[in-house]
């Protein structure tokens, strides 16, 4: 196995616990990576490398200023919102610098506030922002409903957008042709390394794209069996310091290399 030079990690369900907490053990694991000369891209861990925003469809500097940005076509954004409305789920629209919602009391708003450390902007209509949509999210505690909604949006937008659940309660709609896998490729190119020298860590369907583009992939213990089968390694769950366990796998891989 090639020596790993870069680790790319998912955030929700991977780096953070289900309560959106970054444990001290996880933060310490990242410091171990840095001390051994391995790059890492997720904030808020003293990151100096670019970050893959909006499921990798945009690349931002550590201060979250866009370096490379791609948008959902406005027509696909509108169709996505129409379908989300039909299913009755909460809708969030993200521009490069704003989180917009029509529901100030959305069930998952407190989780997102903790994750991105920002408050939503409450709007009455998404129409003025459709041409600036980096990501649209449908959130619902009804996992089965959201799975059906995912299929309906995929059918509605075709190749004009990507729709995939990033958690059982989040359905992400992002620009077409860009995903966490293309982010892995872009970061490897920026650093002048092979994608074989990249390790990826994740737990959901939208993480499989980066698994396929990396030399070493690690599924969280809270991932489904299907996702685990497509990873080269499996760690414990995000509730049981699985991220730190993943970094331990990377460090052991690099021993003596």
Protein backbone atom coordinates (compact mmCIF):
# COMPACT_ATOMS: atom_id res chain seq x y z
CA UNK A 1 0.00 0.00 0.00
CA UNK A 2 1.24 3.49 -0.91
CA UNK A 3 2.15 5.87 1.90
CA UNK A 4 -0.83 8.11 2.62
CA UNK A 5 -0.13 11.83 2.16
CA UNK A 6 -3.67 13.21 2.51
CA UNK A 7 -6.80 12.24 4.45
CA UNK A 8 -10.20 13.47 3.21
CA UNK A 9 -13.03 13.00 5.70
CA UNK A 10 -16.77 13.34 5.75
CA UNK A 11 -18.11 15.44 8.63
CA UNK A 12 -21.62 14.35 9.74
CA UNK A 13 -21.64 10.75 10.92
CA UNK A 14 -17.86 10.50 10.61
CA UNK A 15 -15.79 13.28 12.14
CA UNK A 16 -18.64 14.38 14.43
CA UNK A 17 -20.82 12.36 16.80
CA UNK A 18 -24.57 12.19 16.28
CA UNK A 19 -24.83 15.24 18.56
CA UNK A 20 -22.44 17.16 16.26
CA UNK A 21 -19.60 17.04 18.76
CA UNK A 22 -15.93 16.90 17.82
CA UNK A 23 -14.32 14.76 20.50
CA UNK A 24 -10.91 15.53 21.93
CA UNK A 25 -9.71 12.12 20.76
CA UNK A 26 -10.72 12.96 17.17
CA UNK A 27 -8.96 16.34 17.34
CA UNK A 28 -5.85 14.64 18.77
CA UNK A 29 -5.89 12.13 15.92
CA UNK A 30 -5.75 14.97 13.40
CA UNK A 31 -2.83 16.53 15.25
CA UNK A 32 -1.05 13.17 14.99
CA UNK A 33 -1.58 13.25 11.24
CA UNK A 34 -0.18 16.77 10.99
CA UNK A 35 2.84 15.83 13.10
CA UNK A 36 3.58 12.92 10.74
CA UNK A 37 3.33 15.14 7.66
CA UNK A 38 -0.05 13.92 6.41
CA UNK A 39 -2.49 16.56 5.13
CA UNK A 40 -6.11 16.87 6.29
CA UNK A 41 -8.87 19.05 4.88
CA UNK A 42 -11.74 19.44 7.37
CA UNK A 43 -12.23 22.42 9.71
CA UNK A 44 -12.16 23.37 12.61
CA UNK A 45 -8.84 21.60 13.12
CA UNK A 46 -6.19 24.20 12.23
CA UNK A 47 -6.66 23.30 8.57
CA UNK A 48 -4.38 24.96 6.03
CA UNK A 49 -5.48 23.00 2.95
CA UNK A 50 -8.57 23.77 0.83
CA UNK A 51 -11.89 22.28 1.95
CA UNK A 52 -14.45 20.48 -0.21
CA UNK A 53 -17.66 22.44 0.30
CA UNK A 54 -21.14 21.26 -0.67
CA UNK A 55 -20.24 17.57 -1.12
CA UNK A 56 -17.09 18.49 -3.01
CA UNK A 57 -18.82 20.52 -5.72
CA UNK A 58 -17.01 23.67 -4.56
CA UNK A 59 -13.49 24.14 -3.23
CA UNK A 60 -12.96 26.75 -0.52
CA UNK A 61 -9.93 28.03 1.36
CA UNK A 62 -9.76 27.40 5.14
CA UNK A 63 -11.64 30.68 5.72
CA UNK A 64 -14.41 29.28 3.45
CA UNK A 65 -13.80 31.76 0.64
CA UNK A 66 -14.59 30.05 -2.68
CA UNK A 67 -11.63 29.01 -4.82
CA UNK A 68 -13.67 27.03 -7.32
CA UNK A 69 -17.46 27.10 -7.31
CA UNK A 70 -20.16 25.24 -9.22
CA UNK A 71 -23.90 25.87 -9.03
CA UNK A 72 -27.07 23.87 -9.53
CA UNK A 73 -28.80 25.01 -12.76
CA UNK A 74 -31.71 27.23 -11.74
CA UNK A 75 -34.26 25.04 -13.54
CA UNK A 76 -33.04 21.94 -11.68
CA UNK A 77 -33.05 23.85 -8.40
CA UNK A 78 -36.68 24.80 -8.96
CA UNK A 79 -37.68 21.23 -9.86
CA UNK A 80 -35.91 19.94 -6.75
CA UNK A 81 -37.74 22.41 -4.52
CA UNK A 82 -41.06 21.49 -6.16
CA UNK A 83 -40.52 17.80 -5.35
CA UNK A 84 -39.35 18.53 -1.81
CA UNK A 85 -42.51 20.60 -1.33
CA UNK A 86 -44.63 17.69 -2.58
CA UNK A 87 -43.07 15.41 0.03
CA UNK A 88 -43.52 17.99 2.78
CA UNK A 89 -39.94 18.02 4.04
CA UNK A 90 -38.01 21.00 5.36
CA UNK A 91 -35.95 22.74 2.66
CA UNK A 92 -32.61 24.49 3.00
CA UNK A 93 -30.86 26.33 0.20
CA UNK A 94 -27.16 27.18 0.47
CA UNK A 95 -25.39 29.88 -1.48
CA UNK A 96 -21.63 30.16 -1.05
CA UNK A 97 -22.10 32.33 2.05
CA UNK A 98 -25.71 31.89 3.24
CA UNK A 99 -27.93 29.17 4.64
CA UNK A 100 -31.54 29.95 3.69
CA UNK A 101 -34.72 28.36 5.00
CA UNK A 102 -38.41 29.19 5.13
CA UNK A 103 -38.91 27.42 8.46
CA UNK A 104 -37.26 29.05 11.48
CA UNK A 105 -38.32 26.10 13.65
CA UNK A 106 -37.11 23.26 11.43
CA UNK A 107 -36.45 20.02 13.29
CA UNK A 108 -32.79 19.84 12.24
CA UNK A 109 -31.97 23.54 12.36
CA UNK A 110 -30.21 23.25 15.76
CA UNK A 111 -27.99 20.44 14.41
CA UNK A 112 -27.01 22.45 11.36
CA UNK A 113 -26.28 25.54 13.48
CA UNK A 114 -23.82 23.50 15.51
CA UNK A 115 -22.26 21.93 12.43
CA UNK A 116 -21.65 25.08 10.38
CA UNK A 117 -21.56 27.54 13.29
CA UNK A 118 -24.01 29.93 11.63
CA UNK A 119 -27.67 30.85 11.86
CA UNK A 120 -30.07 30.49 8.94
CA UNK A 121 -31.48 33.41 7.01
CA UNK A 122 -35.28 33.10 7.05
CA UNK A 123 -36.88 33.83 3.68
CA UNK A 124 -40.41 33.66 2.37
CA UNK A 125 -39.45 32.47 -1.10
CA UNK A 126 -36.40 30.70 -2.56
CA UNK A 127 -37.00 32.12 -6.06
CA UNK A 128 -34.51 35.04 -5.78
CA UNK A 129 -31.72 32.61 -4.87
CA UNK A 130 -32.21 29.81 -7.40
CA UNK A 131 -29.44 31.04 -9.68
CA UNK A 132 -26.95 31.03 -6.78
CA UNK A 133 -27.72 27.61 -5.28
CA UNK A 134 -24.61 25.61 -4.33
CA UNK A 135 -26.63 22.96 -2.48
CA UNK A 136 -30.25 22.26 -1.60
CA UNK A 137 -31.10 19.99 1.32
CA UNK A 138 -34.33 18.28 2.24
CA UNK A 139 -34.43 17.28 5.91
CA UNK A 140 -36.87 14.92 7.60
CA UNK A 141 -36.87 12.43 10.46
CA UNK A 142 -38.94 10.08 8.25
CA UNK A 143 -36.10 8.10 6.64
CA UNK A 144 -38.40 6.05 4.41
CA UNK A 145 -40.11 9.19 3.12
CA UNK A 146 -36.77 10.80 2.35
CA UNK A 147 -35.63 7.69 0.47
CA UNK A 148 -38.71 7.90 -1.74
CA UNK A 149 -38.12 11.62 -2.17
CA UNK A 150 -34.54 10.91 -3.28
CA UNK A 151 -35.77 8.67 -6.09
CA UNK A 152 -38.39 11.23 -7.14
CA UNK A 153 -35.82 14.05 -7.35
CA UNK A 154 -33.37 11.89 -9.25
CA UNK A 155 -36.13 11.24 -11.76
CA UNK A 156 -37.10 14.93 -11.89
CA UNK A 157 -33.63 16.41 -12.41
CA UNK A 158 -31.97 13.65 -14.46
CA UNK A 159 -28.39 14.63 -15.25
CA UNK A 160 -28.89 18.30 -14.32
CA UNK A 161 -28.12 17.72 -10.64
CA UNK A 162 -26.96 15.05 -8.22
CA UNK A 163 -29.36 13.90 -5.49
CA UNK A 164 -28.16 11.61 -2.70
CA UNK A 165 -28.77 11.23 1.02
CA UNK A 166 -25.82 12.36 3.14
CA UNK A 167 -27.59 11.11 6.28
CA UNK A 168 -30.80 9.16 6.81
CA UNK A 169 -32.39 12.54 7.57
CA UNK A 170 -30.66 14.72 4.93
CA UNK A 171 -31.16 14.59 1.16
CA UNK A 172 -28.56 16.69 -0.69
CA UNK A 173 -29.02 18.13 -4.19
CA UNK A 174 -25.74 19.39 -5.66
CA UNK A 175 -24.34 20.49 -9.04
CA UNK A 176 -23.97 17.81 -11.72
CA UNK A 177 -20.61 16.25 -12.48
CA UNK A 178 -19.01 17.11 -9.14
CA UNK A 179 -18.88 15.04 -6.00
CA UNK A 180 -16.55 13.96 -3.23
CA UNK A 181 -14.65 11.84 -5.73
CA UNK A 182 -13.90 14.78 -8.01
CA UNK A 183 -12.78 16.70 -4.91
CA UNK A 184 -10.29 13.92 -4.08
CA UNK A 185 -8.94 14.16 -7.63
CA UNK A 186 -8.72 17.96 -7.46
CA UNK A 187 -6.89 17.91 -4.14
CA UNK A 188 -4.44 15.26 -5.31
CA UNK A 189 -3.69 17.37 -8.38
CA UNK A 190 -3.21 20.51 -6.26
CA UNK A 191 -0.78 18.69 -3.97
CA UNK A 192 1.03 16.89 -6.78
CA UNK A 193 0.29 13.43 -5.39
CA UNK A 194 -1.35 10.29 -6.74
CA UNK A 195 -4.92 9.53 -5.65
CA UNK A 196 -3.43 6.26 -4.37
CA UNK A 197 -1.79 8.39 -1.65
CA UNK A 198 -5.21 9.65 -0.44
CA UNK A 199 -7.21 8.01 2.36
CA UNK A 200 -10.92 8.73 2.69
CA UNK A 201 -13.27 8.25 5.65
CA UNK A 202 -17.07 8.24 5.46
CA UNK A 203 -20.37 6.62 6.32
CA UNK A 204 -22.98 7.35 3.65
CA UNK A 205 -23.83 6.73 -0.02
CA UNK A 206 -22.41 10.08 -1.10
CA UNK A 207 -19.04 9.05 0.37
CA UNK A 208 -18.69 6.13 -2.04
CA UNK A 209 -17.57 8.49 -4.81
CA UNK A 210 -14.48 9.42 -2.79
CA UNK A 211 -13.90 5.80 -1.75
CA UNK A 212 -13.61 4.87 -5.42
CA UNK A 213 -11.01 7.57 -6.14
CA UNK A 214 -8.72 6.95 -3.15
CA UNK A 215 -6.05 4.40 -2.43
CA UNK A 216 -7.35 3.63 1.06
CA UNK A 217 -10.99 3.96 2.12
CA UNK A 218 -12.40 3.55 5.60
CA UNK A 219 -16.10 3.06 6.37
CA UNK A 220 -17.47 4.03 9.75
CA UNK A 221 -19.06 1.38 11.94
CA UNK A 222 -22.37 3.25 11.68
CA UNK A 223 -22.37 2.84 7.88
CA UNK A 224 -24.64 0.28 6.21
CA UNK A 225 -23.25 -3.12 5.29
CA UNK A 226 -23.31 -2.15 1.61
CA UNK A 227 -21.05 0.84 2.24
CA UNK A 228 -18.73 -1.22 4.43
CA UNK A 229 -18.32 -3.79 1.67
CA UNK A 230 -17.10 -1.08 -0.70
CA UNK A 231 -14.38 0.22 1.66
CA UNK A 232 -10.92 -1.23 2.16
CA UNK A 233 -11.24 -0.97 5.95
CA UNK A 234 -13.98 -0.56 8.57
CA UNK A 235 -13.60 1.29 11.87
CA UNK A 236 -15.95 1.64 14.84
CA UNK A 237 -18.96 3.99 14.89
CA UNK A 238 -18.90 7.77 15.27
CA UNK A 239 -20.28 7.21 18.77
CA UNK A 240 -17.31 5.00 19.64
CA UNK A 241 -14.35 7.12 18.44
CA UNK A 242 -14.46 5.58 14.97
CA UNK A 243 -12.77 8.58 13.37
CA UNK A 244 -9.77 8.26 15.67
CA UNK A 245 -9.73 4.56 14.81
CA UNK A 246 -9.64 5.43 11.12
CA UNK A 247 -6.65 7.70 11.64
CA UNK A 248 -4.94 4.86 13.51
CA UNK A 249 -5.43 2.70 10.39
CA UNK A 250 -3.76 5.41 8.30
CA UNK A 251 -0.86 5.77 10.72
CA UNK A 252 -0.27 1.99 10.77
CA UNK A 253 -0.37 1.95 6.98
CA UNK A 254 2.38 4.59 6.92
CA UNK A 255 4.64 2.91 9.45
CA UNK A 256 8.02 2.25 7.93
CA UNK A 257 7.17 3.92 4.62
